[in-house]
């Protein structure tokens, strides 16, 4: 494809800066009249807004204060979330204290088993059912008849 222009008279001509100024000077009175009519229609509204400016400012501040209050109370880091996190923190602190006491108890028990012969003997008697020579251990007999199964599938 050949995009060359063969006839230069058909080529579009860019306007000169003088043409732009001339067009603006010709349309200026019409633009001024349009602006004047627009100002006349807006002027009463502007006067009302100016007269009510203190009320508008007060209402704006009140709305902003309300929005700030809602954000502080119910926002992502608001008071409601803070109280929930605080309760969770206190509950976890209690659990930590409980676990530490339990850990200390186990530590004492382990230390006792390492050093105290009575503790070792007690654990051997309870868990391993050891006895000293000449002692007897009473073991209750197993029940003679086991209870019947609660459903039919358990009988197999």
C-alpha atoms as a PDB file:
ATOM      1  CA  UNK A   1       0.000   0.000   0.000  1.00  0.00           C
ATOM      2  CA  UNK A   2       1.198   3.401  -0.902  1.00  0.00           C
ATOM      3  CA  UNK A   3       0.271   6.170   1.594  1.00  0.00           C
ATOM      4  CA  UNK A   4       1.916   9.052  -0.194  1.00  0.00           C
ATOM      5  CA  UNK A   5      -0.159  12.099  -0.924  1.00  0.00           C
ATOM      6  CA  UNK A   6       0.125  13.007  -4.562  1.00  0.00           C
ATOM      7  CA  UNK A   7      -1.810  16.250  -4.460  1.00  0.00           C
ATOM      8  CA  UNK A   8      -0.535  18.582  -1.705  1.00  0.00           C
ATOM      9  CA  UNK A   9      -3.630  20.798  -1.959  1.00  0.00           C
ATOM     10  CA  UNK A  10      -5.744  17.936  -0.541  1.00  0.00           C
ATOM     11  CA  UNK A  11      -3.482  17.578   2.492  1.00  0.00           C
ATOM     12  CA  UNK A  12      -4.970  18.877   5.750  1.00  0.00           C
ATOM     13  CA  UNK A  13      -3.414  22.071   7.001  1.00  0.00           C
ATOM     14  CA  UNK A  14      -2.779  22.734  10.731  1.00  0.00           C
ATOM     15  CA  UNK A  15      -4.274  25.972  12.003  1.00  0.00           C
ATOM     16  CA  UNK A  16      -1.904  28.762  12.854  1.00  0.00           C
ATOM     17  CA  UNK A  17      -1.825  30.359  16.289  1.00  0.00           C
ATOM     18  CA  UNK A  18      -3.406  33.479  14.837  1.00  0.00           C
ATOM     19  CA  UNK A  19      -6.407  31.441  13.663  1.00  0.00           C
ATOM     20  CA  UNK A  20      -6.915  30.151  17.225  1.00  0.00           C
ATOM     21  CA  UNK A  21      -6.738  33.631  18.715  1.00  0.00           C
ATOM     22  CA  UNK A  22      -9.127  34.980  16.095  1.00  0.00           C
ATOM     23  CA  UNK A  23     -11.659  32.206  16.820  1.00  0.00           C
ATOM     24  CA  UNK A  24     -11.385  32.819  20.548  1.00  0.00           C
ATOM     25  CA  UNK A  25     -11.857  36.573  20.105  1.00  0.00           C
ATOM     26  CA  UNK A  26     -14.961  35.975  17.961  1.00  0.00           C
ATOM     27  CA  UNK A  27     -16.534  33.587  20.541  1.00  0.00           C
ATOM     28  CA  UNK A  28     -15.527  35.551  23.679  1.00  0.00           C
ATOM     29  CA  UNK A  29     -18.725  37.662  23.996  1.00  0.00           C
ATOM     30  CA  UNK A  30     -20.902  34.557  23.742  1.00  0.00           C
ATOM     31  CA  UNK A  31     -18.779  32.722  26.341  1.00  0.00           C
ATOM     32  CA  UNK A  32     -18.946  35.724  28.692  1.00  0.00           C
ATOM     33  CA  UNK A  33     -22.716  35.843  28.379  1.00  0.00           C
ATOM     34  CA  UNK A  34     -22.983  32.106  29.079  1.00  0.00           C
ATOM     35  CA  UNK A  35     -20.758  32.436  32.157  1.00  0.00           C
ATOM     36  CA  UNK A  36     -22.762  35.422  33.395  1.00  0.00           C
ATOM     37  CA  UNK A  37     -26.063  33.547  33.056  1.00  0.00           C
ATOM     38  CA  UNK A  38     -24.582  30.542  34.883  1.00  0.00           C
ATOM     39  CA  UNK A  39     -23.315  32.771  37.704  1.00  0.00           C
ATOM     40  CA  UNK A  40     -26.741  34.402  38.047  1.00  0.00           C
ATOM     41  CA  UNK A  41     -28.373  30.981  38.425  1.00  0.00           C
ATOM     42  CA  UNK A  42     -25.770  29.784  40.975  1.00  0.00           C
ATOM     43  CA  UNK A  43     -25.552  33.002  43.031  1.00  0.00           C
ATOM     44  CA  UNK A  44     -28.708  32.396  45.171  1.00  0.00           C
ATOM     45  CA  UNK A  45     -27.521  28.903  46.079  1.00  0.00           C
ATOM     46  CA  UNK A  46     -24.063  30.230  46.950  1.00  0.00           C
ATOM     47  CA  UNK A  47     -25.631  32.908  49.174  1.00  0.00           C
ATOM     48  CA  UNK A  48     -27.675  30.244  51.025  1.00  0.00           C
ATOM     49  CA  UNK A  49     -24.617  28.045  51.531  1.00  0.00           C
ATOM     50  CA  UNK A  50     -22.652  31.036  52.797  1.00  0.00           C
ATOM     51  CA  UNK A  51     -25.437  31.937  55.249  1.00  0.00           C
ATOM     52  CA  UNK A  52     -25.587  28.325  56.553  1.00  0.00           C
ATOM     53  CA  UNK A  53     -21.814  27.794  56.691  1.00  0.00           C
ATOM     54  CA  UNK A  54     -21.692  27.459  60.503  1.00  0.00           C
ATOM     55  CA  UNK A  55     -24.484  24.900  60.570  1.00  0.00           C
ATOM     56  CA  UNK A  56     -22.868  22.953  57.739  1.00  0.00           C
ATOM     57  CA  UNK A  57     -19.513  22.983  59.560  1.00  0.00           C
ATOM     58  CA  UNK A  58     -21.161  21.833  62.824  1.00  0.00           C
ATOM     59  CA  UNK A  59     -23.015  19.010  61.087  1.00  0.00           C
ATOM     60  CA  UNK A  60     -19.835  17.957  59.275  1.00  0.00           C
ATOM     61  CA  UNK A  61     -17.851  17.846  62.528  1.00  0.00           C
ATOM     62  CA  UNK A  62     -20.652  15.884  64.242  1.00  0.00           C
ATOM     63  CA  UNK A  63     -20.781  13.329  61.421  1.00  0.00           C
ATOM     64  CA  UNK A  64     -16.987  12.951  61.453  1.00  0.00           C
ATOM     65  CA  UNK A  65     -17.027  12.512  65.251  1.00  0.00           C
ATOM     66  CA  UNK A  66     -19.750   9.859  64.898  1.00  0.00           C
ATOM     67  CA  UNK A  67     -17.772   7.997  62.253  1.00  0.00           C
ATOM     68  CA  UNK A  68     -14.640   8.174  64.407  1.00  0.00           C
ATOM     69  CA  UNK A  69     -16.595   6.814  67.398  1.00  0.00           C
ATOM     70  CA  UNK A  70     -17.941   3.897  65.342  1.00  0.00           C
ATOM     71  CA  UNK A  71     -14.443   3.147  64.046  1.00  0.00           C
ATOM     72  CA  UNK A  72     -12.925   3.253  67.545  1.00  0.00           C
ATOM     73  CA  UNK A  73     -15.626   0.994  68.990  1.00  0.00           C
ATOM     74  CA  UNK A  74     -16.225  -1.508  66.205  1.00  0.00           C
ATOM     75  CA  UNK A  75     -13.213  -1.202  63.881  1.00  0.00           C
ATOM     76  CA  UNK A  76     -10.560  -3.838  63.262  1.00  0.00           C
ATOM     77  CA  UNK A  77      -8.692  -2.764  66.421  1.00  0.00           C
ATOM     78  CA  UNK A  78     -11.707  -1.300  68.228  1.00  0.00           C
ATOM     79  CA  UNK A  79     -12.737  -1.587  71.849  1.00  0.00           C
ATOM     80  CA  UNK A  80     -14.932  -4.644  71.267  1.00  0.00           C
ATOM     81  CA  UNK A  81     -12.070  -6.569  69.663  1.00  0.00           C
ATOM     82  CA  UNK A  82      -9.713  -5.266  72.359  1.00  0.00           C
ATOM     83  CA  UNK A  83     -11.910  -6.631  75.153  1.00  0.00           C
ATOM     84  CA  UNK A  84     -12.172 -10.010  73.422  1.00  0.00           C
ATOM     85  CA  UNK A  85      -8.390 -10.166  72.977  1.00  0.00           C
ATOM     86  CA  UNK A  86      -7.886  -9.107  76.602  1.00  0.00           C
ATOM     87  CA  UNK A  87     -10.193 -11.903  77.863  1.00  0.00           C
ATOM     88  CA  UNK A  88      -8.364 -14.417  75.653  1.00  0.00           C
ATOM     89  CA  UNK A  89      -5.015 -13.155  76.981  1.00  0.00           C
ATOM     90  CA  UNK A  90      -6.120 -13.560  80.604  1.00  0.00           C
ATOM     91  CA  UNK A  91      -7.435 -17.064  79.899  1.00  0.00           C
ATOM     92  CA  UNK A  92      -4.121 -18.025  78.291  1.00  0.00           C
ATOM     93  CA  UNK A  93      -2.191 -16.564  81.238  1.00  0.00           C
ATOM     94  CA  UNK A  94      -4.230 -18.751  83.635  1.00  0.00           C
ATOM     95  CA  UNK A  95      -3.585 -21.791  81.468  1.00  0.00           C
ATOM     96  CA  UNK A  96       0.149 -21.029  81.374  1.00  0.00           C
ATOM     97  CA  UNK A  97       0.223 -20.758  85.194  1.00  0.00           C
ATOM     98  CA  UNK A  98      -1.634 -24.064  85.485  1.00  0.00           C
ATOM     99  CA  UNK A  99       0.729 -25.790  83.058  1.00  0.00           C
ATOM    100  CA  UNK A 100       3.754 -24.405  84.938  1.00  0.00           C
ATOM    101  CA  UNK A 101       2.429 -25.782  88.238  1.00  0.00           C
ATOM    102  CA  UNK A 102       1.875 -29.148  86.601  1.00  0.00           C
ATOM    103  CA  UNK A 103       5.403 -29.026  85.154  1.00  0.00           C
ATOM    104  CA  UNK A 104       6.851 -28.228  88.584  1.00  0.00           C
ATOM    105  CA  UNK A 105       4.931 -31.167  90.082  1.00  0.00           C
ATOM    106  CA  UNK A 106       6.340 -33.513  87.440  1.00  0.00           C
ATOM    107  CA  UNK A 107       9.834 -32.095  87.962  1.00  0.00           C
ATOM    108  CA  UNK A 108       9.570 -32.757  91.691  1.00  0.00           C
ATOM    109  CA  UNK A 109       8.276 -36.264  91.013  1.00  0.00           C
ATOM    110  CA  UNK A 110      11.154 -36.985  88.628  1.00  0.00           C
ATOM    111  CA  UNK A 111      13.671 -35.593  91.107  1.00  0.00           C
ATOM    112  CA  UNK A 112      12.122 -37.763  93.840  1.00  0.00           C
ATOM    113  CA  UNK A 113      12.367 -40.856  91.678  1.00  0.00           C
ATOM    114  CA  UNK A 114      16.046 -40.112  91.022  1.00  0.00           C
ATOM    115  CA  UNK A 115      16.999 -39.643  94.681  1.00  0.00           C
ATOM    116  CA  UNK A 116      14.348 -40.957  97.111  1.00  0.00           C
ATOM    117  CA  UNK A 117      14.173 -44.731  97.626  1.00  0.00           C
ATOM    118  CA  UNK A 118      10.681 -44.544  99.130  1.00  0.00           C
ATOM    119  CA  UNK A 119       9.331 -42.869  95.971  1.00  0.00           C
ATOM    120  CA  UNK A 120      10.962 -45.532  93.814  1.00  0.00           C
ATOM    121  CA  UNK A 121       9.468 -48.300  95.980  1.00  0.00           C
ATOM    122  CA  UNK A 122       6.022 -46.684  95.890  1.00  0.00           C
ATOM    123  CA  UNK A 123       6.035 -46.471  92.074  1.00  0.00           C
ATOM    124  CA  UNK A 124       7.291 -50.063  91.769  1.00  0.00           C
ATOM    125  CA  UNK A 125       4.502 -51.328  94.046  1.00  0.00           C
ATOM    126  CA  UNK A 126       1.744 -49.328  92.312  1.00  0.00           C
ATOM    127  CA  UNK A 127       2.651 -49.662  88.659  1.00  0.00           C
ATOM    128  CA  UNK A 128       4.641 -52.892  88.473  1.00  0.00           C
ATOM    129  CA  UNK A 129       2.871 -54.672  91.380  1.00  0.00           C
ATOM    130  CA  UNK A 130       6.163 -55.609  93.038  1.00  0.00           C
ATOM    131  CA  UNK A 131       6.082 -56.990  96.590  1.00  0.00           C
ATOM    132  CA  UNK A 132       8.649 -57.612  99.265  1.00  0.00           C
ATOM    133  CA  UNK A 133       9.420 -61.147 100.311  1.00  0.00           C
ATOM    134  CA  UNK A 134       6.719 -62.456 102.657  1.00  0.00           C
ATOM    135  CA  UNK A 135       4.035 -59.938 101.528  1.00  0.00           C
ATOM    136  CA  UNK A 136       0.817 -60.911  99.804  1.00  0.00           C
ATOM    137  CA  UNK A 137      -1.028 -58.875  97.182  1.00  0.00           C
ATOM    138  CA  UNK A 138      -4.767 -59.203  96.927  1.00  0.00           C
ATOM    139  CA  UNK A 139      -6.005 -59.083  93.313  1.00  0.00           C
ATOM    140  CA  UNK A 140      -9.806 -59.146  92.929  1.00  0.00           C
ATOM    141  CA  UNK A 141     -11.070 -61.891  90.623  1.00  0.00           C
ATOM    142  CA  UNK A 142     -12.325 -61.060  87.141  1.00  0.00           C
ATOM    143  CA  UNK A 143     -16.138 -60.996  86.814  1.00  0.00           C
ATOM    144  CA  UNK A 144     -17.523 -64.478  86.022  1.00  0.00           C
ATOM    145  CA  UNK A 145     -20.201 -63.478  83.502  1.00  0.00           C
ATOM    146  CA  UNK A 146     -19.426 -60.546  81.249  1.00  0.00           C
ATOM    147  CA  UNK A 147     -22.428 -58.279  80.610  1.00  0.00           C
ATOM    148  CA  UNK A 148     -24.425 -59.066  77.452  1.00  0.00           C
ATOM    149  CA  UNK A 149     -23.627 -57.020  74.316  1.00  0.00           C
ATOM    150  CA  UNK A 150     -25.824 -54.006  73.749  1.00  0.00           C
ATOM    151  CA  UNK A 151     -26.571 -54.751  70.079  1.00  0.00           C
ATOM    152  CA  UNK A 152     -26.632 -57.712  67.741  1.00  0.00           C
ATOM    153  CA  UNK A 153     -23.510 -56.812  65.778  1.00  0.00           C
ATOM    154  CA  UNK A 154     -21.334 -57.067  68.903  1.00  0.00           C
ATOM    155  CA  UNK A 155     -22.112 -60.797  69.377  1.00  0.00           C
ATOM    156  CA  UNK A 156     -19.880 -61.959  66.523  1.00  0.00           C
END
